């Protein structure tokens, strides 16, 4: 079964220096029909004005990663990490027992456009950690590139959850497929461009939730950049 969520159905906030779309309930936006999907808790599409950003603040018991689409995002945290992250570079932070960090637009002239994504961890009270890595366009061109996984397989970054997250760039006749095992489901988010997912046409900001499906098929792309989340089916109750 496919359930489509159009980009214009998401929550929206304009703070002047920050323009943000919320795929799931977040801050002042609450939608009881879209609180989370499996262990996926937050997808915020953020645009931050030059020289602006999020001051130091804390997180606990969440897996948080950023995926930059354009511009550069500067990160600093209380674990001692500090860097500027551009397109293709993924950062992952296990907040566990507690981490404070700040995120700012690294440029004083250009906006930064990125996705901030949270997942529930496999357990509470994990030891905090941070990692980042480049995933080049060539790794994602016409194929699903694994960027995050529970065990860091195939060169991916490790994530403290039973989730496999892929990124892909799909254009023209390029086609990519992901088989879904029993007990798994998928969430596909279109970051940029458009494409067809299992026969359904999706535009920028659109998403589709796939339950009781055996595979995810990406094709007919027009400048498409997508994230595909292979997630567990959670037990009821």
C-alpha atoms as a PDB file:
ATOM      1  CA  UNK A   1       0.000   0.000   0.000  1.00  0.00           C
ATOM      2  CA  UNK A   2       1.218   3.481  -0.893  1.00  0.00           C
ATOM      3  CA  UNK A   3       0.289   6.586   1.107  1.00  0.00           C
ATOM      4  CA  UNK A   4       1.361   9.885  -0.428  1.00  0.00           C
ATOM      5  CA  UNK A   5       2.057  13.038   1.571  1.00  0.00           C
ATOM      6  CA  UNK A   6       2.382  16.092  -0.636  1.00  0.00           C
ATOM      7  CA  UNK A   7       4.936  18.724   0.200  1.00  0.00           C
ATOM      8  CA  UNK A   8       2.284  21.436   0.528  1.00  0.00           C
ATOM      9  CA  UNK A   9       0.522  19.376   3.223  1.00  0.00           C
ATOM     10  CA  UNK A  10       3.477  19.661   5.603  1.00  0.00           C
ATOM     11  CA  UNK A  11       3.675  22.024   8.536  1.00  0.00           C
ATOM     12  CA  UNK A  12       5.307  25.369   7.788  1.00  0.00           C
ATOM     13  CA  UNK A  13       7.051  28.026   9.849  1.00  0.00           C
ATOM     14  CA  UNK A  14       8.652  31.297   8.724  1.00  0.00           C
ATOM     15  CA  UNK A  15      10.837  32.912  11.379  1.00  0.00           C
ATOM     16  CA  UNK A  16      12.440  35.424   9.035  1.00  0.00           C
ATOM     17  CA  UNK A  17      15.951  33.998   9.298  1.00  0.00           C
ATOM     18  CA  UNK A  18      14.575  30.427   9.098  1.00  0.00           C
ATOM     19  CA  UNK A  19      12.024  28.924   6.723  1.00  0.00           C
ATOM     20  CA  UNK A  20      11.086  25.382   7.707  1.00  0.00           C
ATOM     21  CA  UNK A  21       8.748  22.648   6.463  1.00  0.00           C
ATOM     22  CA  UNK A  22       7.861  19.872   8.920  1.00  0.00           C
ATOM     23  CA  UNK A  23       6.966  16.397   7.619  1.00  0.00           C
ATOM     24  CA  UNK A  24       6.028  15.334  11.162  1.00  0.00           C
ATOM     25  CA  UNK A  25       4.731  17.124  14.253  1.00  0.00           C
ATOM     26  CA  UNK A  26       7.436  19.483  15.494  1.00  0.00           C
ATOM     27  CA  UNK A  27       7.586  22.526  17.781  1.00  0.00           C
ATOM     28  CA  UNK A  28       4.366  24.528  17.259  1.00  0.00           C
ATOM     29  CA  UNK A  29       3.110  22.235  14.490  1.00  0.00           C
ATOM     30  CA  UNK A  30       1.062  19.256  15.638  1.00  0.00           C
ATOM     31  CA  UNK A  31      -0.711  16.782  13.359  1.00  0.00           C
ATOM     32  CA  UNK A  32      -1.936  13.613  15.126  1.00  0.00           C
ATOM     33  CA  UNK A  33      -1.906  11.793  11.764  1.00  0.00           C
ATOM     34  CA  UNK A  34       1.784  12.557  11.241  1.00  0.00           C
ATOM     35  CA  UNK A  35       3.698  12.222  14.489  1.00  0.00           C
ATOM     36  CA  UNK A  36       6.176   9.604  13.279  1.00  0.00           C
ATOM     37  CA  UNK A  37       6.507   6.755  10.798  1.00  0.00           C
ATOM     38  CA  UNK A  38       8.035   3.638  12.333  1.00  0.00           C
ATOM     39  CA  UNK A  39      11.205   4.936  14.063  1.00  0.00           C
ATOM     40  CA  UNK A  40      11.395   8.022  11.838  1.00  0.00           C
ATOM     41  CA  UNK A  41      10.456  10.999  14.027  1.00  0.00           C
ATOM     42  CA  UNK A  42      11.457  14.248  12.239  1.00  0.00           C
ATOM     43  CA  UNK A  43      12.171  15.462   8.713  1.00  0.00           C
ATOM     44  CA  UNK A  44      12.564  19.234   8.693  1.00  0.00           C
ATOM     45  CA  UNK A  45      13.439  20.953   5.440  1.00  0.00           C
ATOM     46  CA  UNK A  46      15.231  24.107   6.567  1.00  0.00           C
ATOM     47  CA  UNK A  47      16.503  27.190   4.777  1.00  0.00           C
ATOM     48  CA  UNK A  48      18.665  29.395   6.976  1.00  0.00           C
ATOM     49  CA  UNK A  49      19.597  32.959   6.044  1.00  0.00           C
ATOM     50  CA  UNK A  50      23.280  33.962   5.700  1.00  0.00           C
ATOM     51  CA  UNK A  51      25.079  34.300   9.019  1.00  0.00           C
ATOM     52  CA  UNK A  52      22.084  32.981  10.996  1.00  0.00           C
ATOM     53  CA  UNK A  53      21.439  29.693  12.781  1.00  0.00           C
ATOM     54  CA  UNK A  54      20.506  27.714  15.853  1.00  0.00           C
ATOM     55  CA  UNK A  55      22.381  28.678  19.021  1.00  0.00           C
ATOM     56  CA  UNK A  56      23.687  26.073  21.434  1.00  0.00           C
ATOM     57  CA  UNK A  57      20.908  23.773  22.608  1.00  0.00           C
ATOM     58  CA  UNK A  58      20.608  20.253  23.960  1.00  0.00           C
ATOM     59  CA  UNK A  59      19.249  16.896  22.774  1.00  0.00           C
ATOM     60  CA  UNK A  60      18.857  13.505  24.447  1.00  0.00           C
ATOM     61  CA  UNK A  61      17.957  10.011  23.287  1.00  0.00           C
ATOM     62  CA  UNK A  62      17.671  10.693  19.566  1.00  0.00           C
ATOM     63  CA  UNK A  63      19.612   9.835  16.409  1.00  0.00           C
ATOM     64  CA  UNK A  64      20.029  13.091  14.473  1.00  0.00           C
ATOM     65  CA  UNK A  65      21.550  13.529  11.044  1.00  0.00           C
ATOM     66  CA  UNK A  66      21.822  16.417   8.605  1.00  0.00           C
ATOM     67  CA  UNK A  67      21.772  16.191   4.809  1.00  0.00           C
ATOM     68  CA  UNK A  68      22.838  19.407   3.075  1.00  0.00           C
ATOM     69  CA  UNK A  69      21.321  20.235  -0.321  1.00  0.00           C
ATOM     70  CA  UNK A  70      23.049  23.572  -0.968  1.00  0.00           C
ATOM     71  CA  UNK A  71      25.288  25.943   0.943  1.00  0.00           C
ATOM     72  CA  UNK A  72      27.278  25.020   4.033  1.00  0.00           C
ATOM     73  CA  UNK A  73      26.159  24.190   7.558  1.00  0.00           C
ATOM     74  CA  UNK A  74      28.566  24.888  10.422  1.00  0.00           C
ATOM     75  CA  UNK A  75      28.334  22.502  13.392  1.00  0.00           C
ATOM     76  CA  UNK A  76      29.855  22.657  16.876  1.00  0.00           C
ATOM     77  CA  UNK A  77      29.064  20.436  19.847  1.00  0.00           C
ATOM     78  CA  UNK A  78      30.066  19.671  23.415  1.00  0.00           C
ATOM     79  CA  UNK A  79      31.797  16.483  22.249  1.00  0.00           C
ATOM     80  CA  UNK A  80      34.496  18.704  20.760  1.00  0.00           C
ATOM     81  CA  UNK A  81      33.442  18.467  17.110  1.00  0.00           C
ATOM     82  CA  UNK A  82      33.368  21.419  14.759  1.00  0.00           C
ATOM     83  CA  UNK A  83      33.150  21.518  10.974  1.00  0.00           C
ATOM     84  CA  UNK A  84      31.360  23.004   7.964  1.00  0.00           C
ATOM     85  CA  UNK A  85      29.247  20.524   6.026  1.00  0.00           C
ATOM     86  CA  UNK A  86      28.322  20.982   2.366  1.00  0.00           C
ATOM     87  CA  UNK A  87      26.317  18.957  -0.180  1.00  0.00           C
ATOM     88  CA  UNK A  88      27.187  15.279  -0.144  1.00  0.00           C
ATOM     89  CA  UNK A  89      28.553  15.298   3.394  1.00  0.00           C
ATOM     90  CA  UNK A  90      26.395  13.564   6.012  1.00  0.00           C
ATOM     91  CA  UNK A  91      26.744  14.069   9.760  1.00  0.00           C
ATOM     92  CA  UNK A  92      25.227  11.743  12.368  1.00  0.00           C
ATOM     93  CA  UNK A  93      24.954  12.349  16.097  1.00  0.00           C
ATOM     94  CA  UNK A  94      23.835   9.900  18.768  1.00  0.00           C
ATOM     95  CA  UNK A  95      22.629  12.243  21.496  1.00  0.00           C
ATOM     96  CA  UNK A  96      22.054   9.493  24.072  1.00  0.00           C
ATOM     97  CA  UNK A  97      22.700  10.752  27.618  1.00  0.00           C
ATOM     98  CA  UNK A  98      22.914  14.317  26.330  1.00  0.00           C
ATOM     99  CA  UNK A  99      24.719  16.547  23.831  1.00  0.00           C
ATOM    100  CA  UNK A 100      24.598  20.285  23.227  1.00  0.00           C
ATOM    101  CA  UNK A 101      25.327  21.676  19.794  1.00  0.00           C
ATOM    102  CA  UNK A 102      24.894  24.695  17.563  1.00  0.00           C
ATOM    103  CA  UNK A 103      24.225  24.881  13.822  1.00  0.00           C
ATOM    104  CA  UNK A 104      24.795  27.987  11.720  1.00  0.00           C
ATOM    105  CA  UNK A 105      24.891  29.013   8.102  1.00  0.00           C
ATOM    106  CA  UNK A 106      28.632  29.062   7.389  1.00  0.00           C
ATOM    107  CA  UNK A 107      28.213  31.763   4.714  1.00  0.00           C
ATOM    108  CA  UNK A 108      27.562  35.464   5.220  1.00  0.00           C
ATOM    109  CA  UNK A 109      26.160  35.815   1.695  1.00  0.00           C
ATOM    110  CA  UNK A 110      24.360  32.598   0.656  1.00  0.00           C
ATOM    111  CA  UNK A 111      21.509  30.661   2.342  1.00  0.00           C
ATOM    112  CA  UNK A 112      21.948  27.048   3.402  1.00  0.00           C
ATOM    113  CA  UNK A 113      19.281  24.487   2.480  1.00  0.00           C
ATOM    114  CA  UNK A 114      19.311  21.193   4.359  1.00  0.00           C
ATOM    115  CA  UNK A 115      17.265  18.382   5.847  1.00  0.00           C
ATOM    116  CA  UNK A 116      17.443  17.724   9.571  1.00  0.00           C
ATOM    117  CA  UNK A 117      16.250  14.220  10.390  1.00  0.00           C
ATOM    118  CA  UNK A 118      15.652  12.505  13.724  1.00  0.00           C
ATOM    119  CA  UNK A 119      15.079   8.825  14.456  1.00  0.00           C
ATOM    120  CA  UNK A 120      14.283   7.128  17.735  1.00  0.00           C
ATOM    121  CA  UNK A 121      17.330   5.146  18.976  1.00  0.00           C
ATOM    122  CA  UNK A 122      17.338   1.438  19.737  1.00  0.00           C
ATOM    123  CA  UNK A 123      17.692   2.214  23.468  1.00  0.00           C
ATOM    124  CA  UNK A 124      17.779   5.147  25.863  1.00  0.00           C
ATOM    125  CA  UNK A 125      20.887   6.364  27.619  1.00  0.00           C
ATOM    126  CA  UNK A 126      23.410   5.485  24.906  1.00  0.00           C
ATOM    127  CA  UNK A 127      26.883   7.014  24.928  1.00  0.00           C
ATOM    128  CA  UNK A 128      26.875  10.168  22.774  1.00  0.00           C
ATOM    129  CA  UNK A 129      28.950  10.110  19.590  1.00  0.00           C
ATOM    130  CA  UNK A 130      29.408  12.002  16.341  1.00  0.00           C
ATOM    131  CA  UNK A 131      30.590  11.082  12.843  1.00  0.00           C
ATOM    132  CA  UNK A 132      30.531  12.543   9.346  1.00  0.00           C
ATOM    133  CA  UNK A 133      31.433  11.378   5.851  1.00  0.00           C
ATOM    134  CA  UNK A 134      31.284  12.467   2.202  1.00  0.00           C
ATOM    135  CA  UNK A 135      29.036  10.583  -0.210  1.00  0.00           C
ATOM    136  CA  UNK A 136      29.822  11.810  -3.700  1.00  0.00           C
ATOM    137  CA  UNK A 137      27.327  12.287  -6.546  1.00  0.00           C
ATOM    138  CA  UNK A 138      28.973   9.400  -8.395  1.00  0.00           C
ATOM    139  CA  UNK A 139      28.035   7.109  -5.488  1.00  0.00           C
ATOM    140  CA  UNK A 140      24.373   8.109  -5.798  1.00  0.00           C
ATOM    141  CA  UNK A 141      23.979   8.544  -9.539  1.00  0.00           C
ATOM    142  CA  UNK A 142      21.313   6.136 -10.789  1.00  0.00           C
ATOM    143  CA  UNK A 143      21.616   3.950  -7.714  1.00  0.00           C
ATOM    144  CA  UNK A 144      20.713   3.712  -4.057  1.00  0.00           C
ATOM    145  CA  UNK A 145      23.756   4.589  -1.970  1.00  0.00           C
ATOM    146  CA  UNK A 146      23.603   3.360   1.628  1.00  0.00           C
ATOM    147  CA  UNK A 147      24.547   6.315   3.845  1.00  0.00           C
ATOM    148  CA  UNK A 148      23.404   5.062   7.283  1.00  0.00           C
ATOM    149  CA  UNK A 149      22.939   1.579   8.694  1.00  0.00           C
ATOM    150  CA  UNK A 150      22.966  -0.219  12.068  1.00  0.00           C
ATOM    151  CA  UNK A 151      26.407  -1.746  11.450  1.00  0.00           C
ATOM    152  CA  UNK A 152      28.171   0.670   9.097  1.00  0.00           C
ATOM    153  CA  UNK A 153      28.087  -1.814   6.229  1.00  0.00           C
ATOM    154  CA  UNK A 154      29.201  -0.940   2.683  1.00  0.00           C
ATOM    155  CA  UNK A 155      30.961   2.216   3.793  1.00  0.00           C
ATOM    156  CA  UNK A 156      27.898   3.757   5.453  1.00  0.00           C
ATOM    157  CA  UNK A 157      27.894   5.622   8.748  1.00  0.00           C
ATOM    158  CA  UNK A 158      26.572   3.642  11.711  1.00  0.00           C
ATOM    159  CA  UNK A 159      23.231   4.457  13.304  1.00  0.00           C
ATOM    160  CA  UNK A 160      21.911   3.213  16.664  1.00  0.00           C
ATOM    161  CA  UNK A 161      18.668   1.898  15.171  1.00  0.00           C
ATOM    162  CA  UNK A 162      17.426  -0.885  12.872  1.00  0.00           C
ATOM    163  CA  UNK A 163      17.167   1.500   9.927  1.00  0.00           C
ATOM    164  CA  UNK A 164      18.882   1.588   6.533  1.00  0.00           C
ATOM    165  CA  UNK A 165      18.936   4.985   4.838  1.00  0.00           C
ATOM    166  CA  UNK A 166      19.820   5.398   1.183  1.00  0.00           C
ATOM    167  CA  UNK A 167      20.359   8.450  -1.027  1.00  0.00           C
ATOM    168  CA  UNK A 168      19.899   8.471  -4.800  1.00  0.00           C
ATOM    169  CA  UNK A 169      20.146  10.824  -7.778  1.00  0.00           C
ATOM    170  CA  UNK A 170      17.746   9.784 -10.545  1.00  0.00           C
ATOM    171  CA  UNK A 171      17.505  11.314 -14.018  1.00  0.00           C
ATOM    172  CA  UNK A 172      16.008  10.258 -17.349  1.00  0.00           C
ATOM    173  CA  UNK A 173      16.238   6.520 -17.929  1.00  0.00           C
ATOM    174  CA  UNK A 174      18.049   5.810 -14.668  1.00  0.00           C
ATOM    175  CA  UNK A 175      16.254   3.310 -12.449  1.00  0.00           C
ATOM    176  CA  UNK A 176      16.948   2.002  -8.947  1.00  0.00           C
ATOM    177  CA  UNK A 177      15.200  -0.624  -6.852  1.00  0.00           C
ATOM    178  CA  UNK A 178      15.253  -1.623  -3.196  1.00  0.00           C
ATOM    179  CA  UNK A 179      13.846  -4.973  -2.074  1.00  0.00           C
ATOM    180  CA  UNK A 180      11.887  -4.842   1.190  1.00  0.00           C
ATOM    181  CA  UNK A 181      12.108  -7.913   3.385  1.00  0.00           C
ATOM    182  CA  UNK A 182       9.194  -9.238   5.435  1.00  0.00           C
ATOM    183  CA  UNK A 183       8.596  -7.039   8.461  1.00  0.00           C
ATOM    184  CA  UNK A 184       9.993  -3.953   6.736  1.00  0.00           C
ATOM    185  CA  UNK A 185       8.423  -0.806   5.329  1.00  0.00           C
ATOM    186  CA  UNK A 186       9.775   2.257   3.546  1.00  0.00           C
ATOM    187  CA  UNK A 187       9.501   6.013   3.546  1.00  0.00           C
ATOM    188  CA  UNK A 188      10.672   7.951   0.485  1.00  0.00           C
ATOM    189  CA  UNK A 189      11.300  11.701   0.705  1.00  0.00           C
ATOM    190  CA  UNK A 190      11.915  13.777  -2.438  1.00  0.00           C
ATOM    191  CA  UNK A 191      14.498  16.394  -1.528  1.00  0.00           C
ATOM    192  CA  UNK A 192      14.820  17.952  -4.985  1.00  0.00           C
ATOM    193  CA  UNK A 193      13.447  17.409  -8.487  1.00  0.00           C
ATOM    194  CA  UNK A 194      10.736  14.917  -9.359  1.00  0.00           C
ATOM    195  CA  UNK A 195      10.432  11.213 -10.140  1.00  0.00           C
ATOM    196  CA  UNK A 196       8.109   8.230 -10.104  1.00  0.00           C
ATOM    197  CA  UNK A 197       8.052   5.917  -7.081  1.00  0.00           C
ATOM    198  CA  UNK A 198       6.183   2.642  -7.587  1.00  0.00           C
ATOM    199  CA  UNK A 199       4.163   4.275 -10.353  1.00  0.00           C
ATOM    200  CA  UNK A 200       3.307   7.468  -8.447  1.00  0.00           C
ATOM    201  CA  UNK A 201       4.682  10.839  -9.551  1.00  0.00           C
ATOM    202  CA  UNK A 202       6.288  12.857  -6.763  1.00  0.00           C
ATOM    203  CA  UNK A 203       7.466  16.483  -6.725  1.00  0.00           C
ATOM    204  CA  UNK A 204       9.931  18.309  -4.437  1.00  0.00           C
ATOM    205  CA  UNK A 205       8.938  17.957  -0.792  1.00  0.00           C
ATOM    206  CA  UNK A 206       6.568  15.055  -1.499  1.00  0.00           C
ATOM    207  CA  UNK A 207       6.885  11.760   0.329  1.00  0.00           C
ATOM    208  CA  UNK A 208       5.392   8.300   0.058  1.00  0.00           C
ATOM    209  CA  UNK A 209       4.970   5.673   2.776  1.00  0.00           C
ATOM    210  CA  UNK A 210       5.138   2.084   1.542  1.00  0.00           C
ATOM    211  CA  UNK A 211       3.613  -0.641   3.694  1.00  0.00           C
ATOM    212  CA  UNK A 212       3.091  -4.280   2.739  1.00  0.00           C
ATOM    213  CA  UNK A 213       5.156  -3.712  -0.412  1.00  0.00           C
ATOM    214  CA  UNK A 214       7.954  -6.000  -1.613  1.00  0.00           C
ATOM    215  CA  UNK A 215      10.116  -3.315  -3.224  1.00  0.00           C
ATOM    216  CA  UNK A 216      10.696   0.368  -3.864  1.00  0.00           C
ATOM    217  CA  UNK A 217      11.220   1.399  -7.505  1.00  0.00           C
ATOM    218  CA  UNK A 218      12.613   4.808  -8.438  1.00  0.00           C
ATOM    219  CA  UNK A 219      12.471   5.887 -12.088  1.00  0.00           C
ATOM    220  CA  UNK A 220      11.638   8.651 -14.609  1.00  0.00           C
ATOM    221  CA  UNK A 221      13.610  11.212 -12.663  1.00  0.00           C
ATOM    222  CA  UNK A 222      13.940  14.878 -13.531  1.00  0.00           C
ATOM    223  CA  UNK A 223      16.827  16.177 -11.428  1.00  0.00           C
ATOM    224  CA  UNK A 224      15.619  14.016  -8.540  1.00  0.00           C
ATOM    225  CA  UNK A 225      17.484  13.673  -5.257  1.00  0.00           C
ATOM    226  CA  UNK A 226      15.749  11.329  -2.825  1.00  0.00           C
ATOM    227  CA  UNK A 227      16.218   9.689   0.544  1.00  0.00           C
ATOM    228  CA  UNK A 228      14.827   6.185   1.034  1.00  0.00           C
ATOM    229  CA  UNK A 229      14.306   4.871   4.573  1.00  0.00           C
ATOM    230  CA  UNK A 230      14.108   1.080   5.041  1.00  0.00           C
ATOM    231  CA  UNK A 231      12.435   0.785   8.439  1.00  0.00           C
ATOM    232  CA  UNK A 232      11.037  -1.888  10.764  1.00  0.00           C
ATOM    233  CA  UNK A 233       7.331  -2.522  11.191  1.00  0.00           C
ATOM    234  CA  UNK A 234       6.723  -1.779  14.860  1.00  0.00           C
ATOM    235  CA  UNK A 235       4.649  -4.030  17.057  1.00  0.00           C
ATOM    236  CA  UNK A 236       1.271  -2.598  18.047  1.00  0.00           C
ATOM    237  CA  UNK A 237       0.753  -1.319  21.552  1.00  0.00           C
END
